[in-house]
């Protein structure tokens, strides 16, 4: 079980690191509006990862990870809808659904959803390890 816990923690850090690098590339923090996505991704990388290192703070890590995931999913979903309605995305979903989907933030939302699920699995692994349970029990 400790190996599973460590693997899940590394996966969580890798997802957060990738998100942080993507946000720095897509949203260079030159204004306050572009600062927020970077702040949230850094919080995910540093604070959430740190909270999951200890059993006593794992619940806080789960709560913060879940909050950031839901916030990111809502914000990126809203951006995709607005970008479609204002014409920033040149392909309409009625013309080429798959092409439109690739141009929206749906791939980013899928990655964020995976981050949420890894955090949930990591919390469960930490709690099972603390209770002395075996995997699959």
Protein backbone atom coordinates (compact mmCIF):
# COMPACT_ATOMS: atom_id res chain seq x y z
CA UNK A 1 0.00 0.00 0.00
CA UNK A 2 2.77 2.53 0.68
CA UNK A 3 3.98 2.05 -2.91
CA UNK A 4 0.49 2.80 -4.20
CA UNK A 5 0.30 5.87 -2.00
CA UNK A 6 3.64 7.16 -3.23
CA UNK A 7 2.75 6.48 -6.87
CA UNK A 8 -0.54 8.36 -6.46
CA UNK A 9 1.24 11.27 -4.79
CA UNK A 10 3.77 11.47 -7.63
CA UNK A 11 0.89 11.36 -10.15
CA UNK A 12 -0.86 14.19 -8.30
CA UNK A 13 2.33 16.28 -8.30
CA UNK A 14 2.96 15.54 -11.99
CA UNK A 15 -0.57 16.63 -12.94
CA UNK A 16 -0.24 19.81 -10.87
CA UNK A 17 3.19 20.55 -12.34
CA UNK A 18 1.85 20.12 -15.86
CA UNK A 19 -1.11 22.38 -15.08
CA UNK A 20 1.18 25.03 -13.61
CA UNK A 21 3.42 25.04 -16.68
CA UNK A 22 0.41 25.18 -19.01
CA UNK A 23 -1.06 28.11 -17.07
CA UNK A 24 2.22 30.00 -17.16
CA UNK A 25 2.37 29.50 -20.93
CA UNK A 26 -1.27 30.26 -21.69
CA UNK A 27 -1.82 32.96 -19.04
CA UNK A 28 1.43 34.87 -18.45
CA UNK A 29 0.70 36.68 -15.17
CA UNK A 30 0.93 40.21 -16.56
CA UNK A 31 -2.44 41.38 -15.22
CA UNK A 32 -4.63 40.55 -12.24
CA UNK A 33 -7.06 38.62 -14.46
CA UNK A 34 -4.28 36.37 -15.73
CA UNK A 35 -2.76 36.09 -12.25
CA UNK A 36 -5.61 34.02 -10.75
CA UNK A 37 -5.25 30.86 -12.86
CA UNK A 38 -1.53 30.84 -12.05
CA UNK A 39 -2.15 31.34 -8.34
CA UNK A 40 -4.62 28.45 -8.22
CA UNK A 41 -2.29 26.12 -10.12
CA UNK A 42 0.61 27.01 -7.79
CA UNK A 43 -1.65 26.37 -4.79
CA UNK A 44 -2.45 22.97 -6.25
CA UNK A 45 1.21 22.20 -6.86
CA UNK A 46 2.64 23.40 -3.55
CA UNK A 47 -0.08 23.44 -0.90
CA UNK A 48 -2.24 20.48 -1.96
CA UNK A 49 0.80 18.29 -2.59
CA UNK A 50 2.21 19.26 0.79
CA UNK A 51 -1.03 18.57 2.60
CA UNK A 52 -1.20 15.07 1.14
CA UNK A 53 2.22 14.22 2.59
CA UNK A 54 0.79 13.77 6.09
CA UNK A 55 -2.18 11.71 7.22
CA UNK A 56 -3.37 14.42 9.62
CA UNK A 57 -3.64 17.02 6.86
CA UNK A 58 -4.79 14.72 4.04
CA UNK A 59 -8.43 15.71 4.51
CA UNK A 60 -7.48 19.37 4.00
CA UNK A 61 -5.57 18.36 0.88
CA UNK A 62 -8.63 16.52 -0.41
CA UNK A 63 -10.92 19.48 0.31
CA UNK A 64 -8.61 22.03 -1.31
CA UNK A 65 -7.90 19.77 -4.29
CA UNK A 66 -11.64 19.21 -4.78
CA UNK A 67 -12.43 22.92 -4.47
CA UNK A 68 -9.74 23.88 -6.98
CA UNK A 69 -10.87 21.15 -9.37
CA UNK A 70 -14.51 22.23 -9.26
CA UNK A 71 -13.55 25.88 -9.64
CA UNK A 72 -11.30 25.11 -12.60
CA UNK A 73 -13.89 22.93 -14.31
CA UNK A 74 -16.55 25.62 -13.95
CA UNK A 75 -14.26 28.42 -15.12
CA UNK A 76 -12.89 26.50 -18.12
CA UNK A 77 -16.37 25.28 -19.06
CA UNK A 78 -17.64 28.85 -18.95
CA UNK A 79 -14.70 29.98 -21.07
CA UNK A 80 -15.46 27.31 -23.68
CA UNK A 81 -19.11 28.36 -23.90
CA UNK A 82 -18.28 32.07 -24.13
CA UNK A 83 -15.53 31.45 -26.70
CA UNK A 84 -17.96 29.46 -28.83
CA UNK A 85 -20.74 32.04 -28.61
CA UNK A 86 -18.45 35.00 -29.35
CA UNK A 87 -16.78 33.32 -32.32
CA UNK A 88 -13.30 32.93 -30.83
CA UNK A 89 -13.57 29.25 -31.68
CA UNK A 90 -13.98 29.19 -35.43
CA UNK A 91 -15.53 25.70 -35.59
CA UNK A 92 -19.11 25.32 -34.45
CA UNK A 93 -20.19 22.15 -32.67
CA UNK A 94 -22.93 21.64 -35.27
CA UNK A 95 -20.35 21.66 -38.11
CA UNK A 96 -17.61 19.47 -36.66
CA UNK A 97 -18.26 18.35 -33.11
CA UNK A 98 -14.93 16.58 -32.58
CA UNK A 99 -12.96 19.47 -34.08
CA UNK A 100 -14.85 21.92 -31.90
CA UNK A 101 -14.28 19.78 -28.81
CA UNK A 102 -10.53 19.76 -29.41
CA UNK A 103 -10.48 23.56 -29.70
CA UNK A 104 -12.36 24.09 -26.43
CA UNK A 105 -11.00 23.62 -22.93
CA UNK A 106 -12.53 20.14 -22.71
CA UNK A 107 -9.11 18.40 -22.85
CA UNK A 108 -7.94 20.60 -19.97
CA UNK A 109 -11.12 19.81 -18.05
CA UNK A 110 -10.49 16.09 -18.56
CA UNK A 111 -6.97 16.46 -17.14
CA UNK A 112 -8.34 18.41 -14.17
CA UNK A 113 -10.97 15.74 -13.57
CA UNK A 114 -8.17 13.14 -13.54
CA UNK A 115 -6.33 15.30 -10.97
CA UNK A 116 -9.47 15.30 -8.81
CA UNK A 117 -9.80 11.50 -9.05
CA UNK A 118 -6.12 10.94 -8.24
CA UNK A 119 -6.52 13.14 -5.16
CA UNK A 120 -9.56 11.14 -4.10
CA UNK A 121 -7.72 7.83 -4.61
CA UNK A 122 -4.70 9.15 -2.72
CA UNK A 123 -6.86 10.18 0.23
CA UNK A 124 -8.48 6.75 0.29
CA UNK A 125 -5.07 5.04 0.12
CA UNK A 126 -3.80 7.17 3.01
CA UNK A 127 -6.84 6.36 5.15
CA UNK A 128 -6.67 2.63 4.33
CA UNK A 129 -2.99 2.59 5.23
CA UNK A 130 -3.72 4.32 8.52
CA UNK A 131 -6.45 1.79 9.33
CA UNK A 132 -4.17 -1.11 8.41
CA UNK A 133 -6.53 -2.38 5.69
CA UNK A 134 -5.39 -4.30 2.67
CA UNK A 135 -6.18 -3.03 -0.83
CA UNK A 136 -9.47 -4.28 -2.21
CA UNK A 137 -10.82 -5.03 1.26
